[in-house]
């Protein structure tokens, strides 16, 4: 957990985690098989997202440079709604992620630390989870909006989540955004 003064710092002058992730270059079935081969667990919302025809997996491989940071580091010190978070990130030059980044990032980020479960949290992002900021497939509040990554009981998870546009994310909730994209010439 960051110290209070670290939460007050706004991107890019704040603690971040930068990752370069190659995504695309395979079919959705191949991607699902790779998740199974890596013993990645899915919740029912993650399964729904992966099964949906609107989740497009690029046949061409490309690299994304991503940044992970806390909601407060977007200049939203008291937390905010998804629209507020996405708007503020855009103002800071960050981009929302393609939905397909979630599974690829889960396969890439196998060393995610496990954080003790916060048993008092309900209808909130779990402590230690990282949400992939992406455009929802539908406005339907009963359908999952995107993916988050979590390690729980020694197991890696790719989980989907449901949240309406009024849901308030906590200041210490972690999100991943895209910094830049490039075609992967090594595929």
N, C-alpha and C. Protein backbone atom coordinates (compact mmCIF):
# COMPACT_ATOMS: atom_id res chain seq x y z
N UNK A 1 0.85 -1.18 0.00
CA UNK A 1 0.00 0.00 0.00
C UNK A 1 0.89 1.24 0.00
N UNK A 2 0.50 2.23 -0.76
CA UNK A 2 1.28 3.45 -0.86
C UNK A 2 1.06 4.36 0.35
N UNK A 3 2.07 5.13 0.65
CA UNK A 3 1.94 6.13 1.71
C UNK A 3 1.01 7.24 1.23
N UNK A 4 0.40 7.94 2.17
CA UNK A 4 -0.56 8.99 1.81
C UNK A 4 -0.01 10.01 0.83
N UNK A 5 1.25 10.41 0.99
CA UNK A 5 1.82 11.42 0.09
C UNK A 5 1.96 10.88 -1.34
N UNK A 6 2.12 9.56 -1.50
CA UNK A 6 2.23 8.97 -2.83
C UNK A 6 0.88 8.99 -3.55
N UNK A 7 -0.22 8.89 -2.79
CA UNK A 7 -1.55 8.94 -3.39
C UNK A 7 -1.88 10.33 -3.91
N UNK A 8 -1.25 11.35 -3.37
CA UNK A 8 -1.53 12.72 -3.78
C UNK A 8 -0.83 13.09 -5.08
N UNK A 9 0.20 12.32 -5.46
CA UNK A 9 0.94 12.62 -6.68
C UNK A 9 0.12 12.19 -7.90
N UNK A 10 0.14 13.02 -8.94
CA UNK A 10 -0.66 12.77 -10.13
C UNK A 10 0.26 12.34 -11.28
N UNK A 11 -0.26 11.40 -12.10
CA UNK A 11 0.47 10.90 -13.25
C UNK A 11 0.92 12.07 -14.12
N UNK A 12 2.16 12.08 -14.61
CA UNK A 12 3.15 11.01 -14.59
C UNK A 12 4.10 11.08 -13.38
N UNK A 13 3.87 12.00 -12.48
CA UNK A 13 4.77 12.18 -11.32
C UNK A 13 4.31 11.36 -10.13
N UNK A 14 4.04 10.08 -10.36
CA UNK A 14 3.55 9.21 -9.30
C UNK A 14 4.12 7.81 -9.49
N UNK A 15 4.00 6.96 -8.50
CA UNK A 15 4.48 5.58 -8.66
C UNK A 15 3.64 4.84 -9.71
N UNK A 16 4.31 4.22 -10.67
CA UNK A 16 3.63 3.44 -11.71
C UNK A 16 4.39 2.14 -11.94
N UNK A 17 3.73 1.23 -12.62
CA UNK A 17 4.36 0.00 -13.10
C UNK A 17 4.15 -0.02 -14.61
N UNK A 18 5.25 -0.06 -15.36
CA UNK A 18 5.19 -0.09 -16.82
C UNK A 18 5.44 -1.52 -17.28
N UNK A 19 4.63 -1.98 -18.22
CA UNK A 19 4.81 -3.31 -18.81
C UNK A 19 4.69 -3.20 -20.32
N UNK A 20 5.49 -3.99 -21.03
CA UNK A 20 5.37 -4.14 -22.48
C UNK A 20 4.81 -5.53 -22.74
N UNK A 21 3.64 -5.58 -23.34
CA UNK A 21 2.93 -6.84 -23.53
C UNK A 21 2.62 -7.04 -25.00
N UNK A 22 2.95 -8.21 -25.54
CA UNK A 22 2.57 -8.56 -26.91
C UNK A 22 1.22 -9.25 -26.86
N UNK A 23 0.29 -8.76 -27.66
CA UNK A 23 -1.03 -9.37 -27.73
C UNK A 23 -1.38 -9.64 -29.18
N UNK A 24 -2.41 -10.46 -29.39
CA UNK A 24 -2.84 -10.81 -30.74
C UNK A 24 -1.98 -11.93 -31.32
N UNK A 25 -2.25 -12.23 -32.59
CA UNK A 25 -1.46 -13.23 -33.30
C UNK A 25 -1.95 -14.65 -33.12
N UNK A 26 -3.09 -14.83 -32.46
CA UNK A 26 -3.66 -16.16 -32.35
C UNK A 26 -5.18 -16.06 -32.32
N UNK A 27 -5.84 -17.19 -32.44
CA UNK A 27 -7.30 -17.20 -32.39
C UNK A 27 -7.77 -17.13 -30.94
N UNK A 28 -9.05 -16.85 -30.76
CA UNK A 28 -9.60 -16.83 -29.41
C UNK A 28 -9.49 -18.21 -28.77
N UNK A 29 -9.71 -19.27 -29.55
CA UNK A 29 -9.59 -20.63 -29.00
C UNK A 29 -8.16 -20.91 -28.54
N UNK A 30 -7.18 -20.46 -29.30
CA UNK A 30 -5.78 -20.63 -28.90
C UNK A 30 -5.48 -19.85 -27.61
N UNK A 31 -6.04 -18.66 -27.51
CA UNK A 31 -5.85 -17.84 -26.32
C UNK A 31 -6.47 -18.52 -25.09
N UNK A 32 -7.68 -19.03 -25.24
CA UNK A 32 -8.34 -19.74 -24.14
C UNK A 32 -7.53 -20.98 -23.75
N UNK A 33 -7.00 -21.69 -24.74
CA UNK A 33 -6.18 -22.87 -24.46
C UNK A 33 -4.91 -22.47 -23.69
N UNK A 34 -4.31 -21.35 -24.07
CA UNK A 34 -3.10 -20.87 -23.38
C UNK A 34 -3.43 -20.55 -21.91
N UNK A 35 -4.59 -19.98 -21.65
CA UNK A 35 -5.01 -19.71 -20.27
C UNK A 35 -5.15 -21.02 -19.50
N UNK A 36 -5.79 -22.01 -20.13
CA UNK A 36 -5.95 -23.32 -19.48
C UNK A 36 -4.60 -23.98 -19.23
N UNK A 37 -3.71 -23.92 -20.22
CA UNK A 37 -2.38 -24.53 -20.10
C UNK A 37 -1.57 -23.90 -18.97
N UNK A 38 -1.84 -22.63 -18.69
CA UNK A 38 -1.13 -21.91 -17.63
C UNK A 38 -1.86 -21.96 -16.29
N UNK A 39 -2.91 -22.78 -16.22
CA UNK A 39 -3.70 -22.96 -14.99
C UNK A 39 -4.32 -21.66 -14.49
N UNK A 40 -4.70 -20.79 -15.42
CA UNK A 40 -5.38 -19.54 -15.07
C UNK A 40 -6.85 -19.87 -14.81
N UNK A 41 -7.35 -19.42 -13.68
CA UNK A 41 -8.74 -19.65 -13.32
C UNK A 41 -9.60 -18.47 -13.79
N UNK A 42 -10.85 -18.76 -14.12
CA UNK A 42 -11.80 -17.75 -14.57
C UNK A 42 -13.03 -17.81 -13.67
N UNK A 43 -13.60 -16.65 -13.39
CA UNK A 43 -14.91 -16.65 -12.75
C UNK A 43 -15.97 -16.67 -13.86
N UNK A 44 -17.25 -16.76 -13.47
CA UNK A 44 -18.29 -16.86 -14.50
C UNK A 44 -18.34 -15.62 -15.39
N UNK A 45 -18.01 -14.45 -14.85
CA UNK A 45 -18.01 -13.22 -15.66
C UNK A 45 -16.85 -13.22 -16.65
N UNK A 46 -15.71 -13.73 -16.24
CA UNK A 46 -14.58 -13.86 -17.17
C UNK A 46 -14.91 -14.82 -18.30
N UNK A 47 -15.57 -15.92 -17.97
CA UNK A 47 -15.99 -16.87 -18.99
C UNK A 47 -16.98 -16.24 -19.96
N UNK A 48 -17.93 -15.46 -19.43
CA UNK A 48 -18.90 -14.77 -20.29
C UNK A 48 -18.21 -13.83 -21.28
N UNK A 49 -17.25 -13.06 -20.78
CA UNK A 49 -16.53 -12.12 -21.65
C UNK A 49 -15.76 -12.87 -22.75
N UNK A 50 -15.04 -13.92 -22.37
CA UNK A 50 -14.26 -14.67 -23.35
C UNK A 50 -15.14 -15.35 -24.39
N UNK A 51 -16.33 -15.78 -24.00
CA UNK A 51 -17.23 -16.48 -24.92
C UNK A 51 -17.98 -15.53 -25.85
N UNK A 52 -18.02 -14.26 -25.52
CA UNK A 52 -18.81 -13.30 -26.29
C UNK A 52 -18.16 -13.01 -27.64
N UNK A 53 -18.96 -13.06 -28.70
CA UNK A 53 -18.46 -12.80 -30.06
C UNK A 53 -17.96 -11.37 -30.25
N UNK A 54 -18.40 -10.46 -29.38
CA UNK A 54 -17.96 -9.06 -29.49
C UNK A 54 -16.53 -8.86 -28.97
N UNK A 55 -16.00 -9.82 -28.23
CA UNK A 55 -14.60 -9.75 -27.82
C UNK A 55 -13.78 -10.24 -29.00
N UNK A 56 -13.13 -9.32 -29.66
CA UNK A 56 -12.35 -9.62 -30.87
C UNK A 56 -10.89 -9.79 -30.47
N UNK A 57 -10.29 -10.88 -30.96
CA UNK A 57 -8.87 -11.14 -30.74
C UNK A 57 -8.16 -10.87 -32.06
N UNK A 58 -7.17 -9.99 -32.04
CA UNK A 58 -6.45 -9.60 -33.25
C UNK A 58 -5.65 -10.77 -33.80
N UNK A 59 -5.74 -10.97 -35.11
CA UNK A 59 -4.94 -12.03 -35.75
C UNK A 59 -3.50 -11.57 -35.95
N UNK A 60 -3.26 -10.28 -35.84
CA UNK A 60 -1.92 -9.71 -35.98
C UNK A 60 -1.37 -9.37 -34.59
N UNK A 61 -0.16 -9.83 -34.32
CA UNK A 61 0.46 -9.53 -33.04
C UNK A 61 0.90 -8.06 -33.00
N UNK A 62 0.74 -7.45 -31.85
CA UNK A 62 1.24 -6.09 -31.64
C UNK A 62 1.59 -5.92 -30.18
N UNK A 63 2.41 -4.92 -29.90
CA UNK A 63 2.87 -4.66 -28.53
C UNK A 63 2.18 -3.43 -27.97
N UNK A 64 1.85 -3.54 -26.70
CA UNK A 64 1.30 -2.40 -25.98
C UNK A 64 2.22 -2.09 -24.81
N UNK A 65 2.49 -0.83 -24.64
CA UNK A 65 3.19 -0.37 -23.44
C UNK A 65 2.09 0.09 -22.49
N UNK A 66 2.01 -0.54 -21.33
CA UNK A 66 0.94 -0.24 -20.39
C UNK A 66 1.49 0.41 -19.14
N UNK A 67 0.61 1.08 -18.43
CA UNK A 67 0.96 1.70 -17.15
C UNK A 67 -0.10 1.30 -16.13
N UNK A 68 0.36 0.89 -14.96
CA UNK A 68 -0.53 0.55 -13.85
C UNK A 68 -0.35 1.62 -12.78
N UNK A 69 -1.48 2.16 -12.30
CA UNK A 69 -1.43 3.17 -11.26
C UNK A 69 -2.73 3.18 -10.48
N UNK A 70 -2.72 3.87 -9.35
CA UNK A 70 -3.91 3.97 -8.49
C UNK A 70 -4.84 5.06 -9.00
N UNK A 71 -6.13 4.90 -8.71
CA UNK A 71 -7.14 5.90 -9.10
C UNK A 71 -6.74 7.28 -8.58
N UNK A 72 -6.24 7.35 -7.36
CA UNK A 72 -5.87 8.65 -6.79
C UNK A 72 -4.77 9.32 -7.60
N UNK A 73 -3.91 8.54 -8.24
CA UNK A 73 -2.82 9.10 -9.04
C UNK A 73 -3.28 9.67 -10.37
N UNK A 74 -4.57 9.54 -10.66
CA UNK A 74 -5.16 10.19 -11.82
C UNK A 74 -5.65 11.59 -11.45
N UNK A 75 -5.47 11.96 -10.19
CA UNK A 75 -5.97 13.26 -9.73
C UNK A 75 -7.39 13.16 -9.22
N UNK A 76 -7.77 11.95 -8.79
CA UNK A 76 -9.09 11.71 -8.22
C UNK A 76 -8.86 11.18 -6.80
N UNK A 77 -8.55 12.08 -5.86
CA UNK A 77 -8.09 11.65 -4.54
C UNK A 77 -9.12 10.92 -3.69
N UNK A 78 -10.40 11.09 -3.99
CA UNK A 78 -11.44 10.44 -3.19
C UNK A 78 -12.09 9.27 -3.92
N UNK A 79 -11.49 8.84 -5.03
CA UNK A 79 -12.09 7.79 -5.84
C UNK A 79 -13.08 8.38 -6.82
N UNK A 80 -13.58 7.56 -7.74
CA UNK A 80 -14.50 8.08 -8.74
C UNK A 80 -15.18 6.97 -9.51
N UNK A 81 -16.12 7.36 -10.35
CA UNK A 81 -16.85 6.42 -11.19
C UNK A 81 -15.99 6.03 -12.39
N UNK A 82 -16.39 4.96 -13.07
CA UNK A 82 -15.66 4.54 -14.26
C UNK A 82 -15.58 5.66 -15.30
N UNK A 83 -16.71 6.34 -15.63
CA UNK A 83 -16.60 7.44 -16.60
C UNK A 83 -15.62 8.53 -16.15
N UNK A 84 -15.62 8.87 -14.86
CA UNK A 84 -14.68 9.88 -14.36
C UNK A 84 -13.24 9.41 -14.49
N UNK A 85 -13.00 8.16 -14.18
CA UNK A 85 -11.65 7.60 -14.26
C UNK A 85 -11.16 7.60 -15.71
N UNK A 86 -12.01 7.13 -16.63
CA UNK A 86 -11.60 7.07 -18.04
C UNK A 86 -11.39 8.46 -18.62
N UNK A 87 -12.25 9.41 -18.23
CA UNK A 87 -12.11 10.79 -18.71
C UNK A 87 -10.80 11.40 -18.21
N UNK A 88 -10.52 11.23 -16.94
CA UNK A 88 -9.30 11.81 -16.36
C UNK A 88 -8.06 11.17 -16.98
N UNK A 89 -8.09 9.85 -17.19
CA UNK A 89 -6.95 9.17 -17.82
C UNK A 89 -6.70 9.72 -19.22
N UNK A 90 -7.77 9.95 -19.98
CA UNK A 90 -7.64 10.50 -21.33
C UNK A 90 -7.03 11.90 -21.28
N UNK A 91 -7.46 12.71 -20.33
CA UNK A 91 -6.88 14.05 -20.16
C UNK A 91 -5.38 13.99 -19.89
N UNK A 92 -4.93 12.90 -19.23
CA UNK A 92 -3.51 12.75 -18.89
C UNK A 92 -2.72 12.04 -19.99
N UNK A 93 -3.36 11.78 -21.14
CA UNK A 93 -2.66 11.16 -22.26
C UNK A 93 -2.64 9.64 -22.24
N UNK A 94 -3.42 9.04 -21.36
CA UNK A 94 -3.52 7.59 -21.30
C UNK A 94 -4.68 7.13 -22.17
N UNK A 95 -4.66 5.86 -22.56
CA UNK A 95 -5.69 5.31 -23.45
C UNK A 95 -6.33 4.10 -22.79
N UNK A 96 -7.61 3.88 -23.11
CA UNK A 96 -8.24 2.67 -22.62
C UNK A 96 -7.66 1.48 -23.38
N UNK A 97 -7.76 0.32 -22.77
CA UNK A 97 -7.15 -0.89 -23.30
C UNK A 97 -8.14 -1.65 -24.18
N UNK A 98 -7.64 -2.35 -25.20
CA UNK A 98 -8.53 -3.27 -25.90
C UNK A 98 -8.92 -4.38 -24.92
N UNK A 99 -10.13 -4.86 -25.00
CA UNK A 99 -10.60 -5.88 -24.06
C UNK A 99 -9.72 -7.12 -24.09
N UNK A 100 -9.17 -7.44 -25.27
CA UNK A 100 -8.32 -8.64 -25.38
C UNK A 100 -7.04 -8.53 -24.55
N UNK A 101 -6.67 -7.34 -24.10
CA UNK A 101 -5.47 -7.21 -23.28
C UNK A 101 -5.59 -8.01 -21.99
N UNK A 102 -6.78 -8.10 -21.41
CA UNK A 102 -6.97 -8.81 -20.15
C UNK A 102 -6.37 -10.21 -20.14
N UNK A 103 -6.79 -11.10 -21.05
CA UNK A 103 -6.22 -12.45 -21.07
C UNK A 103 -4.72 -12.48 -21.37
N UNK A 104 -4.28 -11.64 -22.31
CA UNK A 104 -2.85 -11.62 -22.62
C UNK A 104 -2.03 -11.10 -21.45
N UNK A 105 -2.53 -10.08 -20.78
CA UNK A 105 -1.83 -9.54 -19.62
C UNK A 105 -1.77 -10.59 -18.50
N UNK A 106 -2.85 -11.34 -18.33
CA UNK A 106 -2.85 -12.38 -17.30
C UNK A 106 -1.76 -13.42 -17.60
N UNK A 107 -1.61 -13.80 -18.88
CA UNK A 107 -0.57 -14.76 -19.26
C UNK A 107 0.83 -14.18 -19.08
N UNK A 108 0.96 -12.87 -19.27
CA UNK A 108 2.26 -12.19 -19.16
C UNK A 108 2.63 -11.96 -17.69
N UNK A 109 1.66 -11.60 -16.89
CA UNK A 109 1.90 -11.17 -15.51
C UNK A 109 1.65 -12.33 -14.55
N UNK A 110 2.56 -13.30 -14.58
CA UNK A 110 2.42 -14.51 -13.77
C UNK A 110 2.98 -14.33 -12.36
N UNK A 111 3.72 -13.26 -12.14
CA UNK A 111 4.36 -13.03 -10.83
C UNK A 111 3.57 -12.07 -9.95
N UNK A 112 2.28 -11.94 -10.19
CA UNK A 112 1.45 -11.03 -9.40
C UNK A 112 1.52 -11.41 -7.92
N UNK A 113 1.82 -10.45 -7.06
CA UNK A 113 1.85 -10.78 -5.63
C UNK A 113 0.45 -11.07 -5.10
N UNK A 114 0.41 -11.91 -4.10
CA UNK A 114 -0.86 -12.21 -3.44
C UNK A 114 -0.99 -11.29 -2.24
N UNK A 115 -2.14 -10.67 -2.13
CA UNK A 115 -2.42 -9.79 -1.00
C UNK A 115 -3.52 -10.46 -0.19
N UNK A 116 -3.40 -10.43 1.11
CA UNK A 116 -4.41 -11.04 1.97
C UNK A 116 -5.78 -10.47 1.65
N UNK A 117 -6.75 -11.34 1.60
CA UNK A 117 -8.12 -10.93 1.27
C UNK A 117 -8.64 -9.95 2.31
N UNK A 118 -9.34 -8.95 1.83
CA UNK A 118 -9.99 -7.97 2.70
C UNK A 118 -11.44 -8.42 2.87
N UNK A 119 -11.70 -9.16 3.93
CA UNK A 119 -13.01 -9.80 4.11
C UNK A 119 -14.16 -8.81 4.26
N UNK A 120 -13.88 -7.57 4.62
CA UNK A 120 -14.94 -6.59 4.80
C UNK A 120 -15.40 -5.94 3.52
N UNK A 121 -14.73 -6.20 2.41
CA UNK A 121 -15.08 -5.55 1.15
C UNK A 121 -16.15 -6.32 0.40
N UNK A 122 -17.21 -5.63 0.02
CA UNK A 122 -18.21 -6.21 -0.87
C UNK A 122 -18.53 -5.17 -1.93
N UNK A 123 -18.79 -5.63 -3.13
CA UNK A 123 -19.10 -4.76 -4.27
C UNK A 123 -18.01 -3.72 -4.50
N UNK A 124 -16.76 -4.14 -4.28
CA UNK A 124 -15.59 -3.29 -4.49
C UNK A 124 -14.49 -4.15 -5.10
N UNK A 125 -13.52 -3.50 -5.72
CA UNK A 125 -12.37 -4.23 -6.26
C UNK A 125 -11.62 -4.88 -5.10
N UNK A 126 -11.28 -6.16 -5.22
CA UNK A 126 -10.55 -6.82 -4.14
C UNK A 126 -9.16 -6.21 -3.94
N UNK A 127 -8.71 -6.18 -2.71
CA UNK A 127 -7.37 -5.70 -2.40
C UNK A 127 -6.35 -6.52 -3.21
N UNK A 128 -5.40 -5.85 -3.85
CA UNK A 128 -4.37 -6.53 -4.63
C UNK A 128 -4.76 -6.82 -6.06
N UNK A 129 -6.00 -6.52 -6.44
CA UNK A 129 -6.42 -6.77 -7.83
C UNK A 129 -6.01 -5.60 -8.72
N UNK A 130 -5.94 -5.87 -10.02
CA UNK A 130 -5.60 -4.85 -11.00
C UNK A 130 -6.67 -4.91 -12.10
N UNK A 131 -7.38 -3.80 -12.32
CA UNK A 131 -8.45 -3.74 -13.31
C UNK A 131 -7.89 -3.20 -14.63
N UNK A 132 -8.24 -3.88 -15.73
CA UNK A 132 -7.83 -3.46 -17.06
C UNK A 132 -8.89 -2.47 -17.56
N UNK A 133 -8.50 -1.22 -17.73
CA UNK A 133 -9.43 -0.17 -18.16
C UNK A 133 -9.77 -0.38 -19.63
N UNK A 134 -11.01 -0.79 -19.91
CA UNK A 134 -11.41 -1.06 -21.29
C UNK A 134 -12.84 -0.59 -21.52
N UNK A 135 -13.18 -0.47 -22.78
CA UNK A 135 -14.53 -0.07 -23.17
C UNK A 135 -15.45 -1.28 -22.97
N UNK A 136 -16.59 -1.12 -22.28
CA UNK A 136 -17.50 -2.26 -22.11
C UNK A 136 -18.11 -2.70 -23.44
N UNK A 137 -18.44 -3.99 -23.53
CA UNK A 137 -19.05 -4.53 -24.74
C UNK A 137 -20.49 -4.07 -24.90
N UNK A 138 -21.15 -3.74 -23.77
CA UNK A 138 -22.55 -3.36 -23.79
C UNK A 138 -22.83 -2.42 -22.62
N UNK A 139 -23.91 -1.66 -22.74
CA UNK A 139 -24.35 -0.78 -21.66
C UNK A 139 -25.16 -1.54 -20.61
N UNK A 140 -25.48 -2.80 -20.88
CA UNK A 140 -26.25 -3.63 -19.96
C UNK A 140 -25.49 -3.79 -18.65
N UNK A 141 -26.07 -3.29 -17.56
CA UNK A 141 -25.41 -3.33 -16.25
C UNK A 141 -25.34 -4.73 -15.66
N UNK A 142 -26.03 -5.69 -16.25
CA UNK A 142 -25.99 -7.08 -15.77
C UNK A 142 -24.93 -7.90 -16.50
N UNK A 143 -24.27 -7.30 -17.50
CA UNK A 143 -23.23 -8.01 -18.26
C UNK A 143 -21.87 -7.48 -17.81
N UNK A 144 -20.87 -8.36 -17.71
CA UNK A 144 -19.55 -7.91 -17.24
C UNK A 144 -18.97 -6.77 -18.08
N UNK A 145 -18.32 -5.83 -17.37
CA UNK A 145 -17.77 -4.63 -18.03
C UNK A 145 -16.33 -4.81 -18.48
N UNK A 146 -15.61 -5.73 -17.88
CA UNK A 146 -14.22 -5.91 -18.25
C UNK A 146 -13.56 -6.93 -17.34
N UNK A 147 -12.21 -6.99 -17.44
CA UNK A 147 -11.42 -7.96 -16.71
C UNK A 147 -10.62 -7.31 -15.58
N UNK A 148 -10.34 -8.11 -14.57
CA UNK A 148 -9.32 -7.74 -13.59
C UNK A 148 -8.49 -8.96 -13.27
N UNK A 149 -7.26 -8.71 -12.80
CA UNK A 149 -6.32 -9.76 -12.47
C UNK A 149 -6.20 -9.86 -10.97
N UNK A 150 -6.10 -11.09 -10.50
CA UNK A 150 -5.99 -11.29 -9.06
C UNK A 150 -5.26 -12.60 -8.79
N UNK A 151 -4.51 -12.63 -7.71
CA UNK A 151 -3.92 -13.87 -7.22
C UNK A 151 -4.54 -14.14 -5.86
N UNK A 152 -5.10 -15.34 -5.72
CA UNK A 152 -5.82 -15.68 -4.51
C UNK A 152 -5.55 -17.14 -4.17
N UNK A 153 -5.15 -17.41 -2.94
CA UNK A 153 -4.83 -18.76 -2.48
C UNK A 153 -3.80 -19.44 -3.39
N UNK A 154 -2.83 -18.65 -3.85
CA UNK A 154 -1.76 -19.17 -4.69
C UNK A 154 -2.15 -19.41 -6.14
N UNK A 155 -3.37 -19.08 -6.52
CA UNK A 155 -3.86 -19.31 -7.88
C UNK A 155 -4.05 -17.97 -8.60
N UNK A 156 -3.70 -17.96 -9.89
CA UNK A 156 -3.88 -16.77 -10.72
C UNK A 156 -5.27 -16.79 -11.34
N UNK A 157 -5.92 -15.64 -11.30
CA UNK A 157 -7.28 -15.50 -11.81
C UNK A 157 -7.35 -14.42 -12.89
N UNK A 158 -8.19 -14.67 -13.88
CA UNK A 158 -8.66 -13.65 -14.82
C UNK A 158 -10.15 -13.58 -14.56
N UNK A 159 -10.56 -12.48 -13.99
CA UNK A 159 -11.95 -12.36 -13.55
C UNK A 159 -12.64 -11.21 -14.28
N UNK A 160 -13.91 -11.42 -14.57
CA UNK A 160 -14.75 -10.36 -15.09
C UNK A 160 -15.45 -9.70 -13.92
N UNK A 161 -15.92 -8.47 -14.14
CA UNK A 161 -16.62 -7.75 -13.06
C UNK A 161 -17.83 -7.02 -13.62
N UNK A 162 -18.77 -6.78 -12.74
CA UNK A 162 -19.97 -6.00 -13.07
C UNK A 162 -19.93 -4.73 -12.23
N UNK A 163 -20.12 -3.60 -12.88
CA UNK A 163 -20.20 -2.31 -12.20
C UNK A 163 -20.97 -1.35 -13.09
N UNK A 164 -21.90 -0.63 -12.51
CA UNK A 164 -22.61 0.37 -13.32
C UNK A 164 -21.82 1.68 -13.30
N UNK A 165 -22.30 2.65 -14.04
CA UNK A 165 -21.58 3.93 -14.16
C UNK A 165 -21.65 4.78 -12.89
N UNK A 166 -22.40 4.34 -11.89
CA UNK A 166 -22.47 5.06 -10.62
C UNK A 166 -21.55 4.46 -9.56
N UNK A 167 -20.99 3.29 -9.85
CA UNK A 167 -20.09 2.63 -8.89
C UNK A 167 -18.87 3.52 -8.63
N UNK A 168 -18.53 3.69 -7.37
CA UNK A 168 -17.36 4.50 -6.99
C UNK A 168 -16.18 3.57 -6.70
N UNK A 169 -15.12 3.74 -7.48
CA UNK A 169 -13.87 3.00 -7.26
C UNK A 169 -13.10 3.72 -6.16
N UNK A 170 -12.42 2.97 -5.33
CA UNK A 170 -11.65 3.53 -4.23
C UNK A 170 -10.36 4.19 -4.73
N UNK A 171 -9.83 5.16 -3.99
CA UNK A 171 -8.60 5.85 -4.42
C UNK A 171 -7.41 4.93 -4.60
N UNK A 172 -7.36 3.81 -3.85
CA UNK A 172 -6.21 2.92 -3.96
C UNK A 172 -6.44 1.76 -4.93
N UNK A 173 -7.60 1.70 -5.59
CA UNK A 173 -7.83 0.68 -6.62
C UNK A 173 -6.85 0.90 -7.77
N UNK A 174 -6.32 -0.20 -8.30
CA UNK A 174 -5.29 -0.15 -9.35
C UNK A 174 -5.93 -0.40 -10.72
N UNK A 175 -5.53 0.43 -11.71
CA UNK A 175 -5.99 0.28 -13.08
C UNK A 175 -4.79 0.21 -14.02
N UNK A 176 -5.00 -0.43 -15.15
CA UNK A 176 -4.00 -0.48 -16.22
C UNK A 176 -4.55 0.27 -17.42
N UNK A 177 -3.72 1.13 -17.99
CA UNK A 177 -4.04 1.89 -19.20
C UNK A 177 -2.94 1.66 -20.23
N UNK A 178 -3.21 2.03 -21.47
CA UNK A 178 -2.22 1.92 -22.54
C UNK A 178 -1.49 3.25 -22.69
N UNK A 179 -0.16 3.16 -22.79
CA UNK A 179 0.66 4.33 -23.10
C UNK A 179 0.89 4.44 -24.60
N UNK A 180 1.23 3.29 -25.25
CA UNK A 180 1.48 3.32 -26.68
C UNK A 180 1.33 1.93 -27.28
N UNK A 181 1.18 1.90 -28.61
CA UNK A 181 0.98 0.65 -29.35
C UNK A 181 1.96 0.63 -30.50
N UNK A 182 2.48 -0.58 -30.81
CA UNK A 182 3.33 -0.75 -32.00
C UNK A 182 3.12 -2.14 -32.56
N UNK A 183 3.28 -2.28 -33.88
CA UNK A 183 3.19 -3.59 -34.52
C UNK A 183 4.39 -4.40 -34.11
N UNK A 184 4.16 -5.67 -33.81
CA UNK A 184 5.24 -6.57 -33.40
C UNK A 184 5.84 -7.21 -34.64
N UNK A 185 7.06 -6.80 -35.00
CA UNK A 185 7.72 -7.34 -36.19
C UNK A 185 8.33 -8.71 -35.96
N UNK A 186 8.25 -9.22 -34.74
CA UNK A 186 8.90 -10.48 -34.40
C UNK A 186 7.91 -11.64 -34.35
N UNK A 187 6.72 -11.44 -34.86
CA UNK A 187 5.72 -12.51 -34.80
C UNK A 187 5.81 -13.40 -36.01
